[in-house]
Every structure is written in structure tokens, then in C-alpha cells.
């Protein structure tokens, strides 16, 4: 698979074009301030996301293929009445978000090893700007991919009962989950020694939806596995999303989903920021 990220030389040129340069001794007012650095790096990451057609196709095609497989191959056995598609779509939506967000670890690790971040050391760029660029681009890309997955789901029989307010809450929950998981993948990319290892470490997280309520009720699992599935973060997020979209009982899933997303996001932001400052030599 070809690497769509810049090579070392291209990365350095990218740094010189997307951000204004500063020479030592210039007045601090000429330095990059406010959201200037973030805007430039968000634009850079969005351009890379648009050019990375293979990554976008995989982020959409793989969840769609999973949805088709579970609906038409396993759906008849799991729900002979044909309603399995309504059960499985919320899980597929989060699976889609996870696959799309996982590319962030590779992007961040590539930036760290390509020389791009080394070039930024000579510029007055806040430590958070590079990560913010990758995370924002991932959020936009994955919300787009999620919309495509839902359209395909409706085409094959998904019939949500959500009202306008429910759709708004569902979208907000998916966006918060994408933000949290993307920051986590960004931190993994920073912690990894190479882009290849970042890809491998991040892949482990993609198995969590399979041991949750995404595809089958957790009570159908063995007792030891049910305890894990019922208490891991993906299950309440999927249950809350399912309640919003198809009207199943919400229970305490909504509060648990919000709590898990905020906890993951908070820990990931702290971890990613600390790792970036150490690896990039920024304070």
C-alpha cells in the first residue's frame, strides 16, 4: 500500500508553506498566535485526508462489507424476522468510526518520523497544534464516512424511528466518540517507535466492538465474557446510540456513554500533549 504522506523533504517544504516562519530575535508579536497555527495544520491535514483516497475507501468499504455480511449472512440465523439490520447498524456506525480514526495513529507517527515536526521546532507553534490538525481532519472525514454508512444501511432496510432531536443527540454522541478515539489513536501514534508499530498497536482497539453489544446481546455470551462486554466503554455507547436511533430502552446507557467518552478524551488529550512535548522538544 502506497504511503500517501509526505516524504521527509516534502514534509519540510510543507512546514515552510503552511506556517509563517520566524527568525530568532523578532518581536514576539510576529509569532504565530491564537488559532493561526491550528488553522494552518488543520488545513494541511484535511488536504492529506482528501488525497488519501485509499484510506477513505477502507474507512467506508470495510464497515459496509461487515454490515452486509452480518445482515445477509448471519442476520437470518440471529433474527429470522428480518429485523437484525436495525440492531446491528449502531454497532457498525461505531466500527466505522474506529476504522477511520485508526488512520490517525499512522499519520501522527509518520509526521514524527518524517522530519515535519523537526521543522516546527524552529517555529513558535503550540504543542497542541499538530495533534489538533490531525484530530479535526479525522473528525470531518469520519463523520462523512458515517453518513455514507447510514445511507447504505437505509438502502438495505434500516428503519430508524428517531425524531429530529434524537438524530441531533445521536450525531453529537458519534462526534464525541470519534473525537475521543481519534485523540487516543493520536497518542498511540506518538508513543510508537515507527509508523508500522503505530498501525499495529492501534489495531488492537478495533476489536473492542466485537466484544460488546454491537452484534449480539451481551447476555448471550459466556458469563466471563459477558462481564467484560457489559463493563467496557463501547457497550454503553452503542446501547445509547441504539436507543436514540431505534427506540430501545435507554436506561443508564446515556450517562455511561457520555462519561466514558469524556474520560477517554481527557486521558488521551493529556497523554498526547505530554508525549508531543517530550518527543518534539516543546514546552
C-alpha atoms as a PDB file:
ATOM      1  CA  UNK A   1       0.000   0.000   0.000  1.00  0.00           C
ATOM      2  CA  UNK A   2       1.484   3.288  -1.014  1.00  0.00           C
ATOM      3  CA  UNK A   3       2.305   5.922   1.574  1.00  0.00           C
ATOM      4  CA  UNK A   4       0.218   8.975   0.943  1.00  0.00           C
ATOM      5  CA  UNK A   5       2.017  11.100   3.475  1.00  0.00           C
ATOM      6  CA  UNK A   6       4.844  13.416   2.512  1.00  0.00           C
ATOM      7  CA  UNK A   7       8.399  12.208   2.418  1.00  0.00           C
ATOM      8  CA  UNK A   8      10.948  13.884   4.622  1.00  0.00           C
ATOM      9  CA  UNK A   9      11.800  16.573   2.105  1.00  0.00           C
ATOM     10  CA  UNK A  10       8.185  17.205   1.211  1.00  0.00           C
ATOM     11  CA  UNK A  11       7.245  17.384   4.880  1.00  0.00           C
ATOM     12  CA  UNK A  12       9.815  20.093   5.500  1.00  0.00           C
ATOM     13  CA  UNK A  13       8.593  22.070   2.494  1.00  0.00           C
ATOM     14  CA  UNK A  14       5.038  21.602   3.782  1.00  0.00           C
ATOM     15  CA  UNK A  15       6.017  23.098   7.110  1.00  0.00           C
ATOM     16  CA  UNK A  16       7.534  26.087   5.355  1.00  0.00           C
ATOM     17  CA  UNK A  17       4.437  26.720   3.254  1.00  0.00           C
ATOM     18  CA  UNK A  18       1.614  26.161   5.729  1.00  0.00           C
ATOM     19  CA  UNK A  19       3.117  28.173   8.555  1.00  0.00           C
ATOM     20  CA  UNK A  20       4.833  31.537   8.662  1.00  0.00           C
ATOM     21  CA  UNK A  21       8.459  31.333   9.734  1.00  0.00           C
ATOM     22  CA  UNK A  22      10.123  33.306  12.484  1.00  0.00           C
ATOM     23  CA  UNK A  23      13.752  34.185  12.907  1.00  0.00           C
ATOM     24  CA  UNK A  24      15.202  34.390  16.406  1.00  0.00           C
ATOM     25  CA  UNK A  25      15.129  37.894  17.720  1.00  0.00           C
ATOM     26  CA  UNK A  26      11.943  39.004  16.002  1.00  0.00           C
ATOM     27  CA  UNK A  27       9.342  40.627  18.192  1.00  0.00           C
ATOM     28  CA  UNK A  28       7.014  38.105  19.797  1.00  0.00           C
ATOM     29  CA  UNK A  29       4.009  39.846  18.258  1.00  0.00           C
ATOM     30  CA  UNK A  30       5.074  38.485  14.862  1.00  0.00           C
ATOM     31  CA  UNK A  31       4.878  34.942  16.114  1.00  0.00           C
ATOM     32  CA  UNK A  32       2.073  32.528  15.313  1.00  0.00           C
ATOM     33  CA  UNK A  33      -0.675  33.196  17.807  1.00  0.00           C
ATOM     34  CA  UNK A  34      -4.243  32.231  18.578  1.00  0.00           C
ATOM     35  CA  UNK A  35      -5.652  29.771  16.099  1.00  0.00           C
ATOM     36  CA  UNK A  36      -3.301  30.605  13.228  1.00  0.00           C
ATOM     37  CA  UNK A  37      -1.135  27.523  13.671  1.00  0.00           C
ATOM     38  CA  UNK A  38      -4.128  25.280  14.301  1.00  0.00           C
ATOM     39  CA  UNK A  39      -5.907  26.603  11.190  1.00  0.00           C
ATOM     40  CA  UNK A  40      -2.859  26.014   9.012  1.00  0.00           C
ATOM     41  CA  UNK A  41      -2.274  22.498  10.305  1.00  0.00           C
ATOM     42  CA  UNK A  42      -5.967  21.595  10.164  1.00  0.00           C
ATOM     43  CA  UNK A  43      -5.995  22.690   6.520  1.00  0.00           C
ATOM     44  CA  UNK A  44      -2.881  20.609   5.852  1.00  0.00           C
ATOM     45  CA  UNK A  45      -4.412  17.505   7.466  1.00  0.00           C
ATOM     46  CA  UNK A  46      -7.699  17.973   5.593  1.00  0.00           C
ATOM     47  CA  UNK A  47      -5.837  18.194   2.287  1.00  0.00           C
ATOM     48  CA  UNK A  48      -3.978  14.990   3.100  1.00  0.00           C
ATOM     49  CA  UNK A  49      -7.273  13.294   4.051  1.00  0.00           C
ATOM     50  CA  UNK A  50      -8.860  14.295   0.731  1.00  0.00           C
ATOM     51  CA  UNK A  51      -5.852  12.998  -1.188  1.00  0.00           C
ATOM     52  CA  UNK A  52      -5.734   9.756   0.791  1.00  0.00           C
ATOM     53  CA  UNK A  53      -8.424   8.040  -1.263  1.00  0.00           C
ATOM     54  CA  UNK A  54      -7.372   4.541  -0.185  1.00  0.00           C
ATOM     55  CA  UNK A  55      -7.805   5.355   3.498  1.00  0.00           C
ATOM     56  CA  UNK A  56     -11.237   6.889   2.898  1.00  0.00           C
ATOM     57  CA  UNK A  57     -12.372   3.903   0.850  1.00  0.00           C
ATOM     58  CA  UNK A  58     -11.256   1.491   3.567  1.00  0.00           C
ATOM     59  CA  UNK A  59     -12.940   3.575   6.275  1.00  0.00           C
ATOM     60  CA  UNK A  60     -16.236   3.237   4.399  1.00  0.00           C
ATOM     61  CA  UNK A  61     -15.931  -0.046   2.492  1.00  0.00           C
ATOM     62  CA  UNK A  62     -14.907  -2.271   5.402  1.00  0.00           C
ATOM     63  CA  UNK A  63     -17.808  -1.313   7.729  1.00  0.00           C
ATOM     64  CA  UNK A  64     -20.244  -1.523   4.803  1.00  0.00           C
ATOM     65  CA  UNK A  65     -18.998  -5.015   3.957  1.00  0.00           C
ATOM     66  CA  UNK A  66     -19.309  -6.015   7.624  1.00  0.00           C
ATOM     67  CA  UNK A  67     -22.860  -4.669   7.703  1.00  0.00           C
ATOM     68  CA  UNK A  68     -23.808  -6.569   4.555  1.00  0.00           C
ATOM     69  CA  UNK A  69     -22.208  -9.756   5.870  1.00  0.00           C
ATOM     70  CA  UNK A  70     -23.852  -9.631   9.279  1.00  0.00           C
ATOM     71  CA  UNK A  71     -27.227  -8.625   7.820  1.00  0.00           C
ATOM     72  CA  UNK A  72     -27.494 -11.084   4.938  1.00  0.00           C
ATOM     73  CA  UNK A  73     -25.233 -13.950   6.045  1.00  0.00           C
ATOM     74  CA  UNK A  74     -25.786 -14.089   9.820  1.00  0.00           C
ATOM     75  CA  UNK A  75     -28.935 -11.978  10.163  1.00  0.00           C
ATOM     76  CA  UNK A  76     -31.355 -14.770   9.270  1.00  0.00           C
ATOM     77  CA  UNK A  77     -29.972 -17.004  11.996  1.00  0.00           C
ATOM     78  CA  UNK A  78     -29.791 -14.228  14.591  1.00  0.00           C
ATOM     79  CA  UNK A  79     -33.214 -12.749  13.818  1.00  0.00           C
ATOM     80  CA  UNK A  80     -35.413 -14.783  11.456  1.00  0.00           C
ATOM     81  CA  UNK A  81     -37.956 -11.933  11.337  1.00  0.00           C
ATOM     82  CA  UNK A  82     -35.509  -9.789   9.365  1.00  0.00           C
ATOM     83  CA  UNK A  83     -35.096  -7.054  11.976  1.00  0.00           C
ATOM     84  CA  UNK A  84     -31.423  -7.691  12.651  1.00  0.00           C
ATOM     85  CA  UNK A  85     -30.336  -4.762  10.484  1.00  0.00           C
ATOM     86  CA  UNK A  86     -31.963  -2.351  12.958  1.00  0.00           C
ATOM     87  CA  UNK A  87     -29.983  -3.955  15.775  1.00  0.00           C
ATOM     88  CA  UNK A  88     -26.596  -4.066  14.046  1.00  0.00           C
ATOM     89  CA  UNK A  89     -26.386  -0.613  12.415  1.00  0.00           C
ATOM     90  CA  UNK A  90     -25.463   1.346  15.603  1.00  0.00           C
ATOM     91  CA  UNK A  91     -22.587  -1.066  16.184  1.00  0.00           C
ATOM     92  CA  UNK A  92     -21.485  -0.745  12.564  1.00  0.00           C
ATOM     93  CA  UNK A  93     -21.514   3.057  12.884  1.00  0.00           C
ATOM     94  CA  UNK A  94     -19.042   2.924  15.788  1.00  0.00           C
ATOM     95  CA  UNK A  95     -16.984   0.281  14.000  1.00  0.00           C
ATOM     96  CA  UNK A  96     -16.811   2.636  11.020  1.00  0.00           C
ATOM     97  CA  UNK A  97     -15.664   5.462  13.290  1.00  0.00           C
ATOM     98  CA  UNK A  98     -12.990   3.249  14.818  1.00  0.00           C
ATOM     99  CA  UNK A  99     -11.565   2.153  11.473  1.00  0.00           C
ATOM    100  CA  UNK A 100     -11.437   5.730  10.241  1.00  0.00           C
ATOM    101  CA  UNK A 101      -9.880   7.098  13.424  1.00  0.00           C
ATOM    102  CA  UNK A 102      -7.194   4.399  13.466  1.00  0.00           C
ATOM    103  CA  UNK A 103      -5.506   6.046  10.476  1.00  0.00           C
ATOM    104  CA  UNK A 104      -4.629   8.956  12.771  1.00  0.00           C
ATOM    105  CA  UNK A 105      -2.003   6.900  14.602  1.00  0.00           C
ATOM    106  CA  UNK A 106      -0.228   6.233  11.306  1.00  0.00           C
ATOM    107  CA  UNK A 107      -0.458   9.890  10.243  1.00  0.00           C
ATOM    108  CA  UNK A 108       0.924  11.181  13.533  1.00  0.00           C
ATOM    109  CA  UNK A 109       3.720   8.606  13.623  1.00  0.00           C
ATOM    110  CA  UNK A 110       4.652   9.496  10.041  1.00  0.00           C
ATOM    111  CA  UNK A 111       4.862  13.193  10.901  1.00  0.00           C
ATOM    112  CA  UNK A 112       7.077  12.401  13.884  1.00  0.00           C
ATOM    113  CA  UNK A 113       9.485  10.319  11.798  1.00  0.00           C
ATOM    114  CA  UNK A 114       9.456  12.268   8.513  1.00  0.00           C
ATOM    115  CA  UNK A 115      11.087  15.495   9.683  1.00  0.00           C
ATOM    116  CA  UNK A 116       7.956  17.622   9.598  1.00  0.00           C
ATOM    117  CA  UNK A 117       7.831  18.054  13.369  1.00  0.00           C
ATOM    118  CA  UNK A 118      11.582  18.717  13.468  1.00  0.00           C
ATOM    119  CA  UNK A 119      10.996  21.696  11.177  1.00  0.00           C
ATOM    120  CA  UNK A 120       8.299  23.001  13.506  1.00  0.00           C
ATOM    121  CA  UNK A 121      10.811  23.201  16.352  1.00  0.00           C
ATOM    122  CA  UNK A 122      12.158  26.397  14.807  1.00  0.00           C
ATOM    123  CA  UNK A 123       8.684  27.919  14.732  1.00  0.00           C
ATOM    124  CA  UNK A 124       6.558  29.334  17.548  1.00  0.00           C
ATOM    125  CA  UNK A 125       3.867  26.672  17.160  1.00  0.00           C
ATOM    126  CA  UNK A 126       1.953  25.458  20.189  1.00  0.00           C
ATOM    127  CA  UNK A 127       2.467  21.798  21.019  1.00  0.00           C
ATOM    128  CA  UNK A 128      -1.235  21.084  20.570  1.00  0.00           C
ATOM    129  CA  UNK A 129      -1.429  22.439  17.001  1.00  0.00           C
ATOM    130  CA  UNK A 130      -0.082  19.381  15.178  1.00  0.00           C
ATOM    131  CA  UNK A 131      -2.374  16.979  17.037  1.00  0.00           C
ATOM    132  CA  UNK A 132      -5.342  19.324  16.633  1.00  0.00           C
ATOM    133  CA  UNK A 133      -4.850  19.289  12.873  1.00  0.00           C
ATOM    134  CA  UNK A 134      -4.894  15.504  12.669  1.00  0.00           C
ATOM    135  CA  UNK A 135      -7.824  15.114  15.067  1.00  0.00           C
ATOM    136  CA  UNK A 136     -10.011  17.705  13.302  1.00  0.00           C
ATOM    137  CA  UNK A 137      -9.351  16.187   9.890  1.00  0.00           C
ATOM    138  CA  UNK A 138     -10.214  12.739  11.267  1.00  0.00           C
ATOM    139  CA  UNK A 139     -13.453  14.055  12.782  1.00  0.00           C
ATOM    140  CA  UNK A 140     -14.588  15.580   9.473  1.00  0.00           C
ATOM    141  CA  UNK A 141     -13.568  12.517   7.451  1.00  0.00           C
ATOM    142  CA  UNK A 142     -15.230  10.038   9.785  1.00  0.00           C
ATOM    143  CA  UNK A 143     -18.491  11.953  10.089  1.00  0.00           C
ATOM    144  CA  UNK A 144     -18.644  11.899   6.288  1.00  0.00           C
ATOM    145  CA  UNK A 145     -17.939   8.144   6.260  1.00  0.00           C
ATOM    146  CA  UNK A 146     -20.581   7.592   8.955  1.00  0.00           C
ATOM    147  CA  UNK A 147     -23.184   9.402   6.851  1.00  0.00           C
ATOM    148  CA  UNK A 148     -22.414   7.127   3.894  1.00  0.00           C
ATOM    149  CA  UNK A 149     -22.731   4.019   6.067  1.00  0.00           C
ATOM    150  CA  UNK A 150     -26.149   5.169   7.358  1.00  0.00           C
ATOM    151  CA  UNK A 151     -27.354   5.859   3.792  1.00  0.00           C
ATOM    152  CA  UNK A 152     -26.322   2.338   2.743  1.00  0.00           C
ATOM    153  CA  UNK A 153     -27.998   0.927   5.856  1.00  0.00           C
ATOM    154  CA  UNK A 154     -31.285   2.641   4.969  1.00  0.00           C
ATOM    155  CA  UNK A 155     -30.987   1.254   1.441  1.00  0.00           C
ATOM    156  CA  UNK A 156     -30.795  -2.333   2.748  1.00  0.00           C
ATOM    157  CA  UNK A 157     -33.671  -1.997   5.205  1.00  0.00           C
ATOM    158  CA  UNK A 158     -32.583   0.014   8.244  1.00  0.00           C
ATOM    159  CA  UNK A 159     -35.629   1.878   9.537  1.00  0.00           C
ATOM    160  CA  UNK A 160     -34.755   4.284  12.368  1.00  0.00           C
ATOM    161  CA  UNK A 161     -37.548   5.705  14.493  1.00  0.00           C
ATOM    162  CA  UNK A 162     -35.511   8.704  15.684  1.00  0.00           C
ATOM    163  CA  UNK A 163     -37.048  12.165  15.675  1.00  0.00           C
ATOM    164  CA  UNK A 164     -35.059  15.308  14.855  1.00  0.00           C
ATOM    165  CA  UNK A 165     -33.869  15.776  18.443  1.00  0.00           C
ATOM    166  CA  UNK A 166     -32.802  12.134  18.639  1.00  0.00           C
ATOM    167  CA  UNK A 167     -30.767  12.497  15.441  1.00  0.00           C
ATOM    168  CA  UNK A 168     -29.033  15.573  16.837  1.00  0.00           C
ATOM    169  CA  UNK A 169     -28.134  13.731  20.042  1.00  0.00           C
ATOM    170  CA  UNK A 170     -27.012  10.655  18.083  1.00  0.00           C
ATOM    171  CA  UNK A 171     -24.788  12.789  15.861  1.00  0.00           C
ATOM    172  CA  UNK A 172     -23.344  14.553  18.903  1.00  0.00           C
ATOM    173  CA  UNK A 173     -22.607  11.212  20.581  1.00  0.00           C
ATOM    174  CA  UNK A 174     -20.912   9.818  17.455  1.00  0.00           C
ATOM    175  CA  UNK A 175     -18.868  13.017  17.063  1.00  0.00           C
ATOM    176  CA  UNK A 176     -17.789  12.892  20.726  1.00  0.00           C
ATOM    177  CA  UNK A 177     -16.813   9.239  20.362  1.00  0.00           C
ATOM    178  CA  UNK A 178     -14.831   9.966  17.192  1.00  0.00           C
ATOM    179  CA  UNK A 179     -13.077  12.850  18.935  1.00  0.00           C
ATOM    180  CA  UNK A 180     -12.172  10.686  21.941  1.00  0.00           C
ATOM    181  CA  UNK A 181     -10.989   7.661  19.971  1.00  0.00           C
ATOM    182  CA  UNK A 182      -9.057   9.831  17.495  1.00  0.00           C
ATOM    183  CA  UNK A 183      -7.148  11.554  20.291  1.00  0.00           C
ATOM    184  CA  UNK A 184      -6.383   8.112  21.702  1.00  0.00           C
ATOM    185  CA  UNK A 185      -5.064   6.917  18.337  1.00  0.00           C
ATOM    186  CA  UNK A 186      -3.032  10.126  18.047  1.00  0.00           C
ATOM    187  CA  UNK A 187      -1.405   9.374  21.400  1.00  0.00           C
ATOM    188  CA  UNK A 188      -0.645   5.834  20.223  1.00  0.00           C
ATOM    189  CA  UNK A 189       0.995   7.276  17.121  1.00  0.00           C
ATOM    190  CA  UNK A 190       3.163   9.484  19.302  1.00  0.00           C
ATOM    191  CA  UNK A 191       4.100   6.623  21.637  1.00  0.00           C
ATOM    192  CA  UNK A 192       5.011   4.225  18.827  1.00  0.00           C
ATOM    193  CA  UNK A 193       8.595   3.935  17.595  1.00  0.00           C
ATOM    194  CA  UNK A 194       7.588   3.823  13.929  1.00  0.00           C
ATOM    195  CA  UNK A 195       4.515   4.219  11.684  1.00  0.00           C
ATOM    196  CA  UNK A 196       4.358   0.446  11.265  1.00  0.00           C
ATOM    197  CA  UNK A 197       4.231  -0.227  15.003  1.00  0.00           C
ATOM    198  CA  UNK A 198       1.662   2.553  15.456  1.00  0.00           C
ATOM    199  CA  UNK A 199      -0.579   0.799  12.963  1.00  0.00           C
ATOM    200  CA  UNK A 200      -0.211  -2.464  14.867  1.00  0.00           C
ATOM    201  CA  UNK A 201      -0.869  -1.044  18.326  1.00  0.00           C
ATOM    202  CA  UNK A 202      -3.943   0.850  17.157  1.00  0.00           C
ATOM    203  CA  UNK A 203      -5.370  -2.248  15.505  1.00  0.00           C
ATOM    204  CA  UNK A 204      -5.886  -3.844  18.925  1.00  0.00           C
ATOM    205  CA  UNK A 205      -8.541  -1.241  19.820  1.00  0.00           C
ATOM    206  CA  UNK A 206     -10.551  -2.129  16.721  1.00  0.00           C
ATOM    207  CA  UNK A 207     -11.503  -5.478  18.266  1.00  0.00           C
ATOM    208  CA  UNK A 208     -13.451  -3.914  21.156  1.00  0.00           C
ATOM    209  CA  UNK A 209     -16.746  -3.530  19.212  1.00  0.00           C
ATOM    210  CA  UNK A 210     -16.745  -7.282  18.544  1.00  0.00           C
ATOM    211  CA  UNK A 211     -16.774  -7.979  22.294  1.00  0.00           C
ATOM    212  CA  UNK A 212     -19.671  -5.661  23.047  1.00  0.00           C
ATOM    213  CA  UNK A 213     -23.378  -5.354  22.312  1.00  0.00           C
ATOM    214  CA  UNK A 214     -22.619  -4.276  18.739  1.00  0.00           C
ATOM    215  CA  UNK A 215     -23.523  -7.546  17.015  1.00  0.00           C
ATOM    216  CA  UNK A 216     -25.215  -9.721  19.652  1.00  0.00           C
ATOM    217  CA  UNK A 217     -26.748  -9.047  23.083  1.00  0.00           C
ATOM    218  CA  UNK A 218     -24.111  -9.403  25.794  1.00  0.00           C
ATOM    219  CA  UNK A 219     -26.335 -11.778  27.777  1.00  0.00           C
ATOM    220  CA  UNK A 220     -25.858 -14.410  25.063  1.00  0.00           C
ATOM    221  CA  UNK A 221     -22.111 -14.543  25.775  1.00  0.00           C
ATOM    222  CA  UNK A 222     -20.361 -16.829  28.272  1.00  0.00           C
ATOM    223  CA  UNK A 223     -20.518 -15.465  31.819  1.00  0.00           C
ATOM    224  CA  UNK A 224     -16.845 -14.469  31.978  1.00  0.00           C
ATOM    225  CA  UNK A 225     -17.050 -12.717  28.622  1.00  0.00           C
ATOM    226  CA  UNK A 226     -20.382 -11.078  29.424  1.00  0.00           C
ATOM    227  CA  UNK A 227     -18.809  -9.386  32.453  1.00  0.00           C
ATOM    228  CA  UNK A 228     -16.133  -7.831  30.262  1.00  0.00           C
ATOM    229  CA  UNK A 229     -18.504  -6.887  27.430  1.00  0.00           C
ATOM    230  CA  UNK A 230     -21.004  -5.302  29.784  1.00  0.00           C
ATOM    231  CA  UNK A 231     -18.405  -3.130  31.505  1.00  0.00           C
ATOM    232  CA  UNK A 232     -16.207  -1.960  28.651  1.00  0.00           C
ATOM    233  CA  UNK A 233     -16.794   1.536  27.184  1.00  0.00           C
ATOM    234  CA  UNK A 234     -18.081   0.520  23.747  1.00  0.00           C
ATOM    235  CA  UNK A 235     -21.202  -1.279  25.022  1.00  0.00           C
ATOM    236  CA  UNK A 236     -22.976   1.686  26.706  1.00  0.00           C
ATOM    237  CA  UNK A 237     -22.064   3.945  23.770  1.00  0.00           C
ATOM    238  CA  UNK A 238     -23.640   1.507  21.318  1.00  0.00           C
ATOM    239  CA  UNK A 239     -26.658   0.951  23.579  1.00  0.00           C
ATOM    240  CA  UNK A 240     -27.213   4.713  23.868  1.00  0.00           C
ATOM    241  CA  UNK A 241     -26.889   5.161  20.115  1.00  0.00           C
ATOM    242  CA  UNK A 242     -29.296   2.275  19.514  1.00  0.00           C
ATOM    243  CA  UNK A 243     -31.808   3.809  21.938  1.00  0.00           C
ATOM    244  CA  UNK A 244     -31.652   7.137  20.099  1.00  0.00           C
ATOM    245  CA  UNK A 245     -31.949   5.635  16.612  1.00  0.00           C
ATOM    246  CA  UNK A 246     -34.412   2.759  17.022  1.00  0.00           C
ATOM    247  CA  UNK A 247     -36.104   3.486  20.351  1.00  0.00           C
ATOM    248  CA  UNK A 248     -34.756   0.707  22.575  1.00  0.00           C
ATOM    249  CA  UNK A 249     -34.718   1.450  26.338  1.00  0.00           C
ATOM    250  CA  UNK A 250     -32.013   3.956  27.212  1.00  0.00           C
ATOM    251  CA  UNK A 251     -31.582   3.104  30.898  1.00  0.00           C
ATOM    252  CA  UNK A 252     -28.287   4.437  32.224  1.00  0.00           C
ATOM    253  CA  UNK A 253     -26.520   3.927  28.897  1.00  0.00           C
ATOM    254  CA  UNK A 254     -26.664   7.622  28.012  1.00  0.00           C
ATOM    255  CA  UNK A 255     -24.848   8.799  31.126  1.00  0.00           C
ATOM    256  CA  UNK A 256     -22.342   5.941  30.939  1.00  0.00           C
ATOM    257  CA  UNK A 257     -21.659   6.678  27.268  1.00  0.00           C
ATOM    258  CA  UNK A 258     -21.068  10.372  27.981  1.00  0.00           C
ATOM    259  CA  UNK A 259     -18.871   9.558  30.967  1.00  0.00           C
ATOM    260  CA  UNK A 260     -16.742   7.035  29.064  1.00  0.00           C
ATOM    261  CA  UNK A 261     -16.267   9.363  26.089  1.00  0.00           C
ATOM    262  CA  UNK A 262     -15.229  12.290  28.291  1.00  0.00           C
ATOM    263  CA  UNK A 263     -12.896  10.096  30.355  1.00  0.00           C
ATOM    264  CA  UNK A 264     -11.193   8.654  27.260  1.00  0.00           C
ATOM    265  CA  UNK A 265     -10.949  12.102  25.690  1.00  0.00           C
ATOM    266  CA  UNK A 266      -9.478  13.703  28.801  1.00  0.00           C
ATOM    267  CA  UNK A 267      -6.870  10.978  29.336  1.00  0.00           C
ATOM    268  CA  UNK A 268      -5.965  10.872  25.646  1.00  0.00           C
ATOM    269  CA  UNK A 269      -5.521  14.658  25.411  1.00  0.00           C
ATOM    270  CA  UNK A 270      -3.209  14.701  28.432  1.00  0.00           C
ATOM    271  CA  UNK A 271      -1.243  11.702  27.151  1.00  0.00           C
ATOM    272  CA  UNK A 272      -0.926  13.028  23.597  1.00  0.00           C
ATOM    273  CA  UNK A 273       0.081  16.535  24.686  1.00  0.00           C
ATOM    274  CA  UNK A 274       2.696  15.219  27.104  1.00  0.00           C
ATOM    275  CA  UNK A 275       4.170  12.830  24.532  1.00  0.00           C
ATOM    276  CA  UNK A 276       4.323  15.516  21.864  1.00  0.00           C
ATOM    277  CA  UNK A 277       6.116  17.951  24.129  1.00  0.00           C
ATOM    278  CA  UNK A 278       8.706  15.327  25.036  1.00  0.00           C
ATOM    279  CA  UNK A 279       9.256  13.953  21.541  1.00  0.00           C
ATOM    280  CA  UNK A 280       9.188  17.287  19.770  1.00  0.00           C
ATOM    281  CA  UNK A 281      11.243  19.028  22.407  1.00  0.00           C
ATOM    282  CA  UNK A 282       8.490  21.609  23.037  1.00  0.00           C
ATOM    283  CA  UNK A 283       7.463  23.059  26.338  1.00  0.00           C
END
